[in-house]
N, C-alpha and C. Protein backbone atom coordinates (compact mmCIF):
# COMPACT_ATOMS: atom_id res chain seq x y z
N MET A 1 83.06 126.25 19.90
CA MET A 1 84.09 126.67 20.83
C MET A 1 83.45 126.89 22.19
N GLY A 2 84.07 126.36 23.24
CA GLY A 2 83.54 126.50 24.59
C GLY A 2 83.70 127.91 25.12
N GLN A 3 82.98 128.19 26.20
CA GLN A 3 83.03 129.53 26.79
C GLN A 3 84.42 129.92 27.23
N ILE A 4 85.14 128.99 27.85
CA ILE A 4 86.48 129.30 28.32
C ILE A 4 87.41 129.57 27.14
N ASP A 5 87.30 128.76 26.10
CA ASP A 5 88.11 128.97 24.91
C ASP A 5 87.79 130.30 24.25
N ARG A 6 86.52 130.65 24.17
CA ARG A 6 86.12 131.91 23.55
C ARG A 6 86.64 133.10 24.37
N ARG A 7 86.53 133.01 25.69
CA ARG A 7 87.06 134.08 26.55
C ARG A 7 88.56 134.24 26.34
N ALA A 8 89.28 133.13 26.25
CA ALA A 8 90.72 133.19 26.03
C ALA A 8 91.03 133.79 24.66
N GLN A 9 90.26 133.41 23.66
CA GLN A 9 90.44 133.97 22.32
C GLN A 9 90.23 135.48 22.34
N LEU A 10 89.16 135.92 22.99
CA LEU A 10 88.86 137.35 23.06
C LEU A 10 89.92 138.10 23.86
N ALA A 11 90.38 137.50 24.95
CA ALA A 11 91.44 138.13 25.74
C ALA A 11 92.71 138.28 24.90
N GLY A 12 93.03 137.28 24.10
CA GLY A 12 94.18 137.37 23.21
C GLY A 12 94.03 138.49 22.19
N ILE A 13 92.83 138.68 21.70
CA ILE A 13 92.57 139.77 20.75
C ILE A 13 92.74 141.12 21.44
N VAL A 14 92.26 141.22 22.67
CA VAL A 14 92.44 142.47 23.43
C VAL A 14 93.93 142.76 23.61
N VAL A 15 94.70 141.74 23.96
CA VAL A 15 96.15 141.91 24.11
C VAL A 15 96.75 142.43 22.82
N ARG A 16 96.37 141.83 21.70
CA ARG A 16 96.93 142.24 20.41
C ARG A 16 96.56 143.68 20.07
N ILE A 17 95.30 144.04 20.25
CA ILE A 17 94.87 145.42 19.95
C ILE A 17 95.59 146.40 20.87
N ALA A 18 95.66 146.08 22.16
CA ALA A 18 96.33 146.97 23.11
C ALA A 18 97.80 147.16 22.75
N ALA A 19 98.46 146.09 22.35
CA ALA A 19 99.88 146.15 22.00
C ALA A 19 100.11 146.91 20.70
N GLU A 20 99.24 146.70 19.72
CA GLU A 20 99.45 147.30 18.41
C GLU A 20 98.93 148.73 18.30
N GLN A 21 97.81 149.02 18.99
CA GLN A 21 97.16 150.30 18.80
C GLN A 21 96.97 151.11 20.08
N GLY A 22 97.20 150.48 21.24
CA GLY A 22 97.00 151.17 22.51
C GLY A 22 95.62 150.86 23.08
N LEU A 23 95.50 151.12 24.37
CA LEU A 23 94.25 150.80 25.07
C LEU A 23 93.07 151.63 24.58
N ASP A 24 93.33 152.81 24.07
CA ASP A 24 92.23 153.65 23.60
C ASP A 24 91.46 153.00 22.45
N HIS A 25 92.12 152.10 21.74
CA HIS A 25 91.46 151.42 20.61
C HIS A 25 90.75 150.14 21.02
N VAL A 26 90.93 149.72 22.25
CA VAL A 26 90.23 148.53 22.72
C VAL A 26 88.79 148.90 23.05
N SER A 27 87.87 148.28 22.35
CA SER A 27 86.45 148.49 22.61
C SER A 27 85.73 147.19 22.28
N VAL A 28 84.53 147.07 22.78
CA VAL A 28 83.73 145.89 22.46
C VAL A 28 83.58 145.78 20.94
N ARG A 29 83.35 146.90 20.29
CA ARG A 29 83.17 146.92 18.84
C ARG A 29 84.42 146.42 18.12
N GLU A 30 85.60 146.94 18.52
CA GLU A 30 86.86 146.54 17.88
C GLU A 30 87.15 145.05 18.10
N VAL A 31 86.94 144.59 19.32
CA VAL A 31 87.19 143.19 19.64
C VAL A 31 86.24 142.30 18.86
N ALA A 32 84.98 142.70 18.78
CA ALA A 32 83.99 141.92 18.03
C ALA A 32 84.39 141.83 16.55
N ALA A 33 84.80 142.96 15.99
CA ALA A 33 85.20 142.97 14.58
C ALA A 33 86.42 142.06 14.36
N ALA A 34 87.41 142.16 15.24
CA ALA A 34 88.62 141.35 15.09
C ALA A 34 88.32 139.86 15.26
N ALA A 35 87.34 139.54 16.09
CA ALA A 35 86.98 138.14 16.35
C ALA A 35 85.98 137.60 15.35
N GLY A 36 85.39 138.48 14.53
CA GLY A 36 84.35 138.05 13.61
C GLY A 36 83.06 137.69 14.32
N LEU A 37 82.80 138.37 15.43
CA LEU A 37 81.59 138.12 16.23
C LEU A 37 80.74 139.37 16.30
N SER A 38 79.52 139.18 16.77
CA SER A 38 78.67 140.33 17.00
C SER A 38 79.06 141.01 18.32
N ILE A 39 78.69 142.26 18.47
CA ILE A 39 78.94 142.98 19.71
C ILE A 39 78.28 142.25 20.88
N GLY A 40 77.08 141.76 20.66
CA GLY A 40 76.36 141.03 21.70
C GLY A 40 77.09 139.78 22.15
N ALA A 41 77.73 139.09 21.19
CA ALA A 41 78.47 137.88 21.54
C ALA A 41 79.66 138.21 22.43
N VAL A 42 80.33 139.33 22.15
CA VAL A 42 81.45 139.75 23.00
C VAL A 42 80.94 140.18 24.37
N GLN A 43 79.82 140.92 24.38
CA GLN A 43 79.27 141.39 25.65
C GLN A 43 78.76 140.23 26.51
N HIS A 44 78.44 139.11 25.89
CA HIS A 44 78.05 137.93 26.65
C HIS A 44 79.20 137.49 27.56
N HIS A 45 80.43 137.65 27.09
CA HIS A 45 81.61 137.25 27.85
C HIS A 45 82.17 138.38 28.71
N PHE A 46 82.08 139.60 28.22
CA PHE A 46 82.64 140.76 28.92
C PHE A 46 81.65 141.91 28.84
N ARG A 47 81.08 142.28 29.98
CA ARG A 47 80.05 143.32 30.01
C ARG A 47 80.63 144.71 29.77
N THR A 48 81.89 144.92 30.17
CA THR A 48 82.49 146.25 30.07
C THR A 48 83.90 146.17 29.48
N LYS A 49 84.39 147.32 29.09
CA LYS A 49 85.77 147.40 28.60
C LYS A 49 86.74 146.99 29.71
N ASP A 50 86.50 147.46 30.94
CA ASP A 50 87.38 147.10 32.04
C ASP A 50 87.40 145.59 32.28
N ALA A 51 86.26 144.92 32.10
CA ALA A 51 86.21 143.46 32.25
C ALA A 51 87.08 142.80 31.17
N MET A 52 87.04 143.32 29.96
CA MET A 52 87.89 142.80 28.89
C MET A 52 89.36 143.02 29.21
N LEU A 53 89.68 144.22 29.68
CA LEU A 53 91.06 144.54 29.99
C LEU A 53 91.59 143.66 31.12
N LEU A 54 90.77 143.45 32.10
CA LEU A 54 91.16 142.60 33.22
C LEU A 54 91.43 141.17 32.75
N ALA A 55 90.56 140.65 31.92
CA ALA A 55 90.74 139.29 31.38
C ALA A 55 92.00 139.22 30.52
N ALA A 56 92.25 140.26 29.73
CA ALA A 56 93.44 140.28 28.88
C ALA A 56 94.71 140.34 29.73
N PHE A 57 94.68 141.14 30.79
CA PHE A 57 95.84 141.23 31.65
C PHE A 57 96.11 139.89 32.33
N ARG A 58 95.06 139.24 32.78
CA ARG A 58 95.22 137.90 33.37
C ARG A 58 95.75 136.91 32.34
N HIS A 59 95.29 137.03 31.11
CA HIS A 59 95.76 136.18 30.01
C HIS A 59 97.27 136.35 29.85
N TYR A 60 97.73 137.59 29.84
CA TYR A 60 99.16 137.88 29.74
C TYR A 60 99.90 137.31 30.94
N ALA A 61 99.39 137.59 32.14
CA ALA A 61 100.05 137.13 33.37
C ALA A 61 100.14 135.61 33.41
N ASP A 62 99.09 134.93 32.97
CA ASP A 62 99.10 133.47 32.93
C ASP A 62 100.15 132.95 31.95
N ALA A 63 100.26 133.61 30.79
CA ALA A 63 101.25 133.19 29.80
C ALA A 63 102.67 133.37 30.35
N LEU A 64 102.92 134.49 31.03
CA LEU A 64 104.23 134.72 31.62
C LEU A 64 104.52 133.70 32.72
N THR A 65 103.53 133.45 33.56
CA THR A 65 103.70 132.46 34.64
C THR A 65 104.00 131.09 34.07
N ASP A 66 103.28 130.69 33.02
CA ASP A 66 103.53 129.39 32.38
C ASP A 66 104.94 129.33 31.81
N ARG A 67 105.38 130.41 31.19
CA ARG A 67 106.72 130.45 30.62
C ARG A 67 107.78 130.30 31.71
N ILE A 68 107.57 130.99 32.82
CA ILE A 68 108.54 130.93 33.92
C ILE A 68 108.52 129.54 34.56
N ARG A 69 107.34 128.97 34.74
CA ARG A 69 107.24 127.62 35.33
C ARG A 69 107.90 126.57 34.45
N SER A 70 107.81 126.74 33.15
CA SER A 70 108.35 125.72 32.24
C SER A 70 109.80 125.98 31.84
N MET A 71 110.38 127.07 32.32
CA MET A 71 111.75 127.38 31.89
C MET A 71 112.74 126.42 32.54
N ASP A 72 113.83 126.26 31.89
CA ASP A 72 114.91 125.39 32.36
C ASP A 72 115.46 125.93 33.68
N ARG A 73 115.46 125.10 34.71
CA ARG A 73 115.98 125.52 36.02
C ARG A 73 117.28 124.80 36.36
N SER A 74 117.89 124.21 35.35
CA SER A 74 119.16 123.52 35.60
C SER A 74 120.27 124.56 35.73
N GLY A 75 121.35 124.13 36.32
CA GLY A 75 122.49 125.03 36.49
C GLY A 75 122.43 125.77 37.81
N SER A 76 123.21 126.80 37.88
CA SER A 76 123.36 127.56 39.12
C SER A 76 122.18 128.51 39.34
N PRO A 77 122.02 129.02 40.57
CA PRO A 77 121.00 130.05 40.80
C PRO A 77 121.21 131.26 39.89
N HIS A 78 122.45 131.61 39.64
CA HIS A 78 122.76 132.72 38.72
C HIS A 78 122.12 132.47 37.36
N ASP A 79 122.32 131.27 36.82
CA ASP A 79 121.78 130.93 35.50
C ASP A 79 120.26 130.96 35.50
N THR A 80 119.66 130.43 36.56
CA THR A 80 118.20 130.39 36.65
C THR A 80 117.62 131.80 36.73
N ILE A 81 118.22 132.64 37.56
CA ILE A 81 117.73 134.02 37.68
C ILE A 81 117.91 134.76 36.36
N ARG A 82 119.02 134.53 35.71
CA ARG A 82 119.27 135.18 34.41
C ARG A 82 118.18 134.78 33.41
N ARG A 83 117.88 133.49 33.33
CA ARG A 83 116.84 133.04 32.41
C ARG A 83 115.49 133.66 32.77
N LEU A 84 115.20 133.73 34.07
CA LEU A 84 113.93 134.32 34.51
C LEU A 84 113.85 135.78 34.08
N LEU A 85 114.90 136.55 34.33
CA LEU A 85 114.89 137.97 33.97
C LEU A 85 114.79 138.16 32.45
N PHE A 86 115.42 137.27 31.71
CA PHE A 86 115.34 137.37 30.25
C PHE A 86 113.92 137.09 29.75
N GLN A 87 113.13 136.33 30.51
CA GLN A 87 111.73 136.12 30.13
C GLN A 87 110.95 137.43 30.13
N LEU A 88 111.42 138.41 30.89
CA LEU A 88 110.73 139.69 31.01
C LEU A 88 111.12 140.67 29.91
N LEU A 89 112.25 140.43 29.27
CA LEU A 89 112.75 141.37 28.26
C LEU A 89 112.08 141.14 26.90
N PRO A 90 111.81 142.21 26.18
CA PRO A 90 111.21 142.08 24.84
C PRO A 90 112.26 141.76 23.78
N LEU A 91 112.77 140.53 23.83
CA LEU A 91 113.85 140.13 22.94
C LEU A 91 113.37 139.44 21.67
N ASP A 92 112.07 139.19 21.57
CA ASP A 92 111.50 138.62 20.34
C ASP A 92 110.14 139.27 20.12
N ASP A 93 109.53 138.96 18.99
CA ASP A 93 108.27 139.62 18.63
C ASP A 93 107.16 139.35 19.64
N ALA A 94 107.06 138.12 20.10
CA ALA A 94 105.98 137.79 21.05
C ALA A 94 106.14 138.56 22.35
N ARG A 95 107.35 138.60 22.88
CA ARG A 95 107.56 139.32 24.14
C ARG A 95 107.50 140.83 23.94
N SER A 96 107.84 141.32 22.76
CA SER A 96 107.68 142.75 22.47
C SER A 96 106.20 143.13 22.50
N THR A 97 105.36 142.29 21.91
CA THR A 97 103.91 142.53 21.94
C THR A 97 103.41 142.51 23.38
N GLU A 98 103.82 141.50 24.13
CA GLU A 98 103.40 141.41 25.52
C GLU A 98 103.84 142.63 26.32
N THR A 99 105.07 143.08 26.08
CA THR A 99 105.61 144.20 26.83
C THR A 99 104.87 145.50 26.53
N ARG A 100 104.57 145.74 25.26
CA ARG A 100 103.81 146.96 24.91
C ARG A 100 102.44 146.93 25.58
N MET A 101 101.82 145.76 25.59
CA MET A 101 100.53 145.62 26.25
C MET A 101 100.68 145.81 27.75
N PHE A 102 101.70 145.20 28.33
CA PHE A 102 101.91 145.29 29.77
C PHE A 102 102.09 146.74 30.21
N ILE A 103 102.87 147.51 29.47
CA ILE A 103 103.09 148.91 29.82
C ILE A 103 101.78 149.69 29.75
N ALA A 104 100.98 149.43 28.74
CA ALA A 104 99.68 150.10 28.64
C ALA A 104 98.78 149.72 29.81
N PHE A 105 98.79 148.47 30.19
CA PHE A 105 97.95 148.02 31.31
C PHE A 105 98.47 148.58 32.63
N ALA A 106 99.78 148.65 32.79
CA ALA A 106 100.34 149.20 34.02
C ALA A 106 99.92 150.66 34.18
N ALA A 107 99.92 151.41 33.08
CA ALA A 107 99.47 152.80 33.15
C ALA A 107 97.99 152.87 33.51
N ARG A 108 97.20 152.02 32.93
CA ARG A 108 95.75 152.01 33.23
C ARG A 108 95.47 151.59 34.67
N SER A 109 96.35 150.78 35.24
CA SER A 109 96.12 150.31 36.61
C SER A 109 96.19 151.45 37.62
N ILE A 110 96.77 152.56 37.23
CA ILE A 110 96.84 153.73 38.11
C ILE A 110 95.44 154.24 38.43
N VAL A 111 94.52 154.10 37.48
CA VAL A 111 93.16 154.63 37.67
C VAL A 111 92.10 153.54 37.74
N THR A 112 92.51 152.28 37.68
CA THR A 112 91.57 151.17 37.73
C THR A 112 91.97 150.25 38.88
N PRO A 113 91.31 150.38 40.03
CA PRO A 113 91.72 149.62 41.21
C PRO A 113 91.79 148.11 41.01
N GLU A 114 90.84 147.50 40.31
CA GLU A 114 90.87 146.05 40.13
C GLU A 114 92.06 145.63 39.28
N LEU A 115 92.37 146.40 38.26
CA LEU A 115 93.53 146.11 37.43
C LEU A 115 94.81 146.30 38.25
N ALA A 116 94.86 147.31 39.11
CA ALA A 116 96.01 147.53 39.98
C ALA A 116 96.20 146.35 40.93
N ARG A 117 95.10 145.83 41.45
CA ARG A 117 95.18 144.69 42.37
C ARG A 117 95.80 143.48 41.66
N VAL A 118 95.31 143.18 40.47
CA VAL A 118 95.83 142.03 39.72
C VAL A 118 97.30 142.27 39.33
N TYR A 119 97.61 143.48 38.93
CA TYR A 119 98.99 143.85 38.57
C TYR A 119 99.92 143.59 39.75
N HIS A 120 99.54 144.07 40.92
CA HIS A 120 100.40 143.93 42.09
C HIS A 120 100.46 142.49 42.60
N GLU A 121 99.39 141.73 42.45
CA GLU A 121 99.43 140.30 42.81
C GLU A 121 100.47 139.58 41.96
N GLY A 122 100.45 139.83 40.66
CA GLY A 122 101.42 139.20 39.76
C GLY A 122 102.84 139.64 40.07
N LEU A 123 103.02 140.92 40.32
CA LEU A 123 104.34 141.43 40.66
C LEU A 123 104.85 140.83 41.97
N ASP A 124 103.95 140.71 42.95
CA ASP A 124 104.33 140.11 44.23
C ASP A 124 104.76 138.65 44.04
N GLN A 125 104.05 137.91 43.20
CA GLN A 125 104.41 136.51 42.94
C GLN A 125 105.78 136.41 42.27
N LEU A 126 106.00 137.26 41.28
CA LEU A 126 107.28 137.26 40.58
C LEU A 126 108.41 137.63 41.54
N ARG A 127 108.19 138.65 42.35
CA ARG A 127 109.19 139.07 43.33
C ARG A 127 109.48 137.95 44.34
N ALA A 128 108.45 137.24 44.76
CA ALA A 128 108.63 136.14 45.72
C ALA A 128 109.49 135.03 45.12
N VAL A 129 109.24 134.67 43.87
CA VAL A 129 110.05 133.63 43.21
C VAL A 129 111.49 134.09 43.12
N LEU A 130 111.69 135.31 42.69
CA LEU A 130 113.04 135.83 42.55
C LEU A 130 113.74 135.94 43.90
N THR A 131 113.01 136.35 44.93
CA THR A 131 113.59 136.45 46.27
C THR A 131 114.04 135.07 46.76
N ARG A 132 113.21 134.05 46.53
CA ARG A 132 113.60 132.69 46.93
C ARG A 132 114.88 132.24 46.21
N LEU A 133 114.98 132.54 44.95
CA LEU A 133 116.17 132.16 44.19
C LEU A 133 117.42 132.89 44.70
N VAL A 134 117.26 134.18 44.99
CA VAL A 134 118.39 134.95 45.53
C VAL A 134 118.78 134.39 46.91
N GLN A 135 117.78 134.04 47.72
CA GLN A 135 118.07 133.49 49.05
C GLN A 135 118.85 132.19 48.95
N VAL A 136 118.48 131.35 48.00
CA VAL A 136 119.22 130.10 47.78
C VAL A 136 120.67 130.42 47.42
N ALA A 137 120.86 131.41 46.56
CA ALA A 137 122.22 131.81 46.16
C ALA A 137 122.99 132.36 47.36
N GLN A 138 122.33 133.15 48.20
CA GLN A 138 123.00 133.66 49.40
C GLN A 138 123.37 132.52 50.35
N ASP A 139 122.43 131.61 50.56
CA ASP A 139 122.67 130.50 51.48
C ASP A 139 123.81 129.61 51.03
N SER A 140 124.02 129.54 49.72
CA SER A 140 125.10 128.70 49.20
C SER A 140 126.42 129.48 49.03
N GLY A 141 126.40 130.76 49.44
CA GLY A 141 127.62 131.56 49.38
C GLY A 141 127.93 132.15 48.02
N MET A 142 126.99 132.06 47.08
CA MET A 142 127.23 132.55 45.72
C MET A 142 126.89 134.02 45.55
N ALA A 143 125.94 134.51 46.34
CA ALA A 143 125.48 135.89 46.21
C ALA A 143 125.88 136.69 47.44
N VAL A 144 125.98 137.99 47.26
CA VAL A 144 126.32 138.87 48.37
C VAL A 144 125.28 138.73 49.48
N THR A 145 125.71 138.92 50.69
CA THR A 145 124.80 138.74 51.83
C THR A 145 124.64 140.01 52.66
N HIS A 146 125.28 141.10 52.28
CA HIS A 146 125.17 142.32 53.07
C HIS A 146 123.84 143.05 52.83
N LEU A 147 123.04 142.55 51.90
CA LEU A 147 121.70 143.09 51.65
C LEU A 147 120.70 141.94 51.69
N PRO A 148 119.48 142.21 52.15
CA PRO A 148 118.46 141.14 52.18
C PRO A 148 118.13 140.63 50.77
N ALA A 149 117.77 139.37 50.69
CA ALA A 149 117.42 138.77 49.39
C ALA A 149 116.30 139.55 48.70
N GLU A 150 115.30 140.00 49.46
CA GLU A 150 114.20 140.75 48.83
C GLU A 150 114.69 142.06 48.23
N THR A 151 115.61 142.74 48.88
CA THR A 151 116.15 143.99 48.33
C THR A 151 116.88 143.71 47.03
N LEU A 152 117.66 142.65 47.00
CA LEU A 152 118.37 142.29 45.77
C LEU A 152 117.39 141.89 44.67
N ALA A 153 116.34 141.16 45.02
CA ALA A 153 115.33 140.76 44.04
C ALA A 153 114.63 142.00 43.48
N ARG A 154 114.27 142.93 44.34
CA ARG A 154 113.62 144.17 43.89
C ARG A 154 114.55 144.96 42.96
N THR A 155 115.83 144.98 43.30
CA THR A 155 116.80 145.70 42.47
C THR A 155 116.93 145.05 41.09
N LEU A 156 117.01 143.73 41.06
CA LEU A 156 117.08 143.03 39.77
C LEU A 156 115.84 143.31 38.93
N LEU A 157 114.67 143.30 39.57
CA LEU A 157 113.43 143.60 38.83
C LEU A 157 113.42 145.04 38.33
N ALA A 158 113.93 145.96 39.12
CA ALA A 158 113.98 147.36 38.70
C ALA A 158 114.89 147.53 37.48
N VAL A 159 116.03 146.83 37.49
CA VAL A 159 116.92 146.88 36.33
C VAL A 159 116.22 146.27 35.11
N ALA A 160 115.55 145.14 35.32
CA ALA A 160 114.81 144.51 34.21
C ALA A 160 113.72 145.43 33.69
N ASP A 161 113.01 146.11 34.59
CA ASP A 161 111.96 147.05 34.17
C ASP A 161 112.54 148.17 33.31
N GLY A 162 113.65 148.75 33.75
CA GLY A 162 114.27 149.82 32.98
C GLY A 162 114.77 149.34 31.63
N ALA A 163 115.41 148.18 31.63
CA ALA A 163 115.91 147.62 30.37
C ALA A 163 114.75 147.30 29.43
N THR A 164 113.67 146.81 30.00
CA THR A 164 112.48 146.48 29.20
C THR A 164 111.90 147.72 28.55
N LEU A 165 111.73 148.78 29.33
CA LEU A 165 111.16 150.01 28.80
C LEU A 165 112.03 150.59 27.70
N GLN A 166 113.34 150.60 27.91
CA GLN A 166 114.23 151.14 26.89
C GLN A 166 114.21 150.30 25.62
N THR A 167 114.13 148.99 25.78
CA THR A 167 114.16 148.10 24.62
C THR A 167 112.87 148.16 23.83
N VAL A 168 111.74 148.29 24.50
CA VAL A 168 110.47 148.30 23.78
C VAL A 168 110.24 149.64 23.06
N THR A 169 110.85 150.71 23.57
CA THR A 169 110.69 152.00 22.90
C THR A 169 111.74 152.22 21.81
N ASP A 170 112.86 151.52 21.90
CA ASP A 170 113.91 151.56 20.88
C ASP A 170 114.12 150.13 20.42
N ARG A 171 113.52 149.76 19.34
CA ARG A 171 113.49 148.36 18.91
C ARG A 171 114.75 147.91 18.18
N SER A 172 115.82 148.66 18.34
CA SER A 172 117.06 148.32 17.63
C SER A 172 117.78 147.15 18.29
N GLU A 173 118.64 146.52 17.52
CA GLU A 173 119.46 145.44 18.05
C GLU A 173 120.39 145.97 19.14
N GLU A 174 120.85 147.19 18.97
CA GLU A 174 121.73 147.79 19.99
C GLU A 174 120.99 147.92 21.34
N ALA A 175 119.72 148.29 21.30
CA ALA A 175 118.94 148.39 22.54
C ALA A 175 118.82 147.03 23.21
N ARG A 176 118.61 145.99 22.42
CA ARG A 176 118.54 144.63 22.97
C ARG A 176 119.87 144.23 23.61
N GLU A 177 120.96 144.54 22.92
CA GLU A 177 122.28 144.22 23.46
C GLU A 177 122.54 144.95 24.78
N HIS A 178 122.12 146.22 24.85
CA HIS A 178 122.27 146.98 26.09
C HIS A 178 121.43 146.38 27.21
N ALA A 179 120.21 145.96 26.89
CA ALA A 179 119.34 145.35 27.91
C ALA A 179 119.97 144.09 28.48
N ILE A 180 120.52 143.27 27.61
CA ILE A 180 121.19 142.04 28.06
C ILE A 180 122.39 142.40 28.93
N ALA A 181 123.18 143.38 28.50
CA ALA A 181 124.35 143.80 29.26
C ALA A 181 123.95 144.36 30.63
N GLU A 182 122.85 145.10 30.68
CA GLU A 182 122.39 145.67 31.96
C GLU A 182 121.97 144.57 32.93
N ILE A 183 121.26 143.57 32.43
CA ILE A 183 120.87 142.44 33.29
C ILE A 183 122.12 141.70 33.77
N ASN A 184 123.05 141.45 32.86
CA ASN A 184 124.27 140.74 33.23
C ASN A 184 125.09 141.52 34.26
N THR A 185 125.15 142.83 34.11
CA THR A 185 125.88 143.66 35.08
C THR A 185 125.22 143.61 36.44
N ALA A 186 123.90 143.73 36.49
CA ALA A 186 123.19 143.65 37.77
C ALA A 186 123.43 142.30 38.44
N LEU A 187 123.41 141.25 37.64
CA LEU A 187 123.66 139.91 38.19
C LEU A 187 125.10 139.79 38.71
N ASP A 188 126.05 140.38 38.00
CA ASP A 188 127.43 140.34 38.46
C ASP A 188 127.56 141.01 39.83
N LEU A 189 126.81 142.08 40.06
CA LEU A 189 126.85 142.76 41.35
C LEU A 189 126.24 141.90 42.46
N VAL A 190 125.14 141.23 42.14
CA VAL A 190 124.47 140.38 43.12
C VAL A 190 125.31 139.14 43.41
N PHE A 191 125.95 138.62 42.38
CA PHE A 191 126.74 137.38 42.52
C PHE A 191 128.24 137.67 42.63
N ALA A 192 128.58 138.76 43.24
CA ALA A 192 129.99 139.14 43.38
C ALA A 192 130.77 138.14 44.22
N ASN A 193 130.09 137.37 45.05
CA ASN A 193 130.76 136.35 45.87
C ASN A 193 131.10 135.09 45.09
N GLY A 194 130.32 134.85 44.01
CA GLY A 194 130.46 133.58 43.30
C GLY A 194 131.33 133.71 42.16
């Protein structure tokens, strides 16, 4: 296995441990055991726990970016934005795992400047994509125009964040249904013109 493949494998293991057990359980020893490697082999790729966490967070961010890039963009701006926001919701097992990990990493970014930098870079990119989509909807007369596109994009992301947090902490089908309804309601407000 090449170095890049091994790093990706280890980052995936860190994501899994963080999601299932929390960041406190992520250690070189735990990752080595889960990977079937020696501690030294893991340290060859990641010298510190923070280096592992950073790689795992980038691994998650790359997976989300790939999912968003490959998502269906046919239909109206409303449909595209809805699909994008649904990519953020923990509506299946894979996204639930990602979301639990993401919340743990977001909390850690408060005290880890490099992780905070990467977190905010990803958030800025997501916000920029969403802002462009809202702007297209405004320009075509489909979305309200009394607020700037960026404000509407930030509001949609805030609703998605709240729905995500509620859904990941309450794994019931009812919580998922509420999350979907909350996203749809926010979109109805933004697309009140269309």
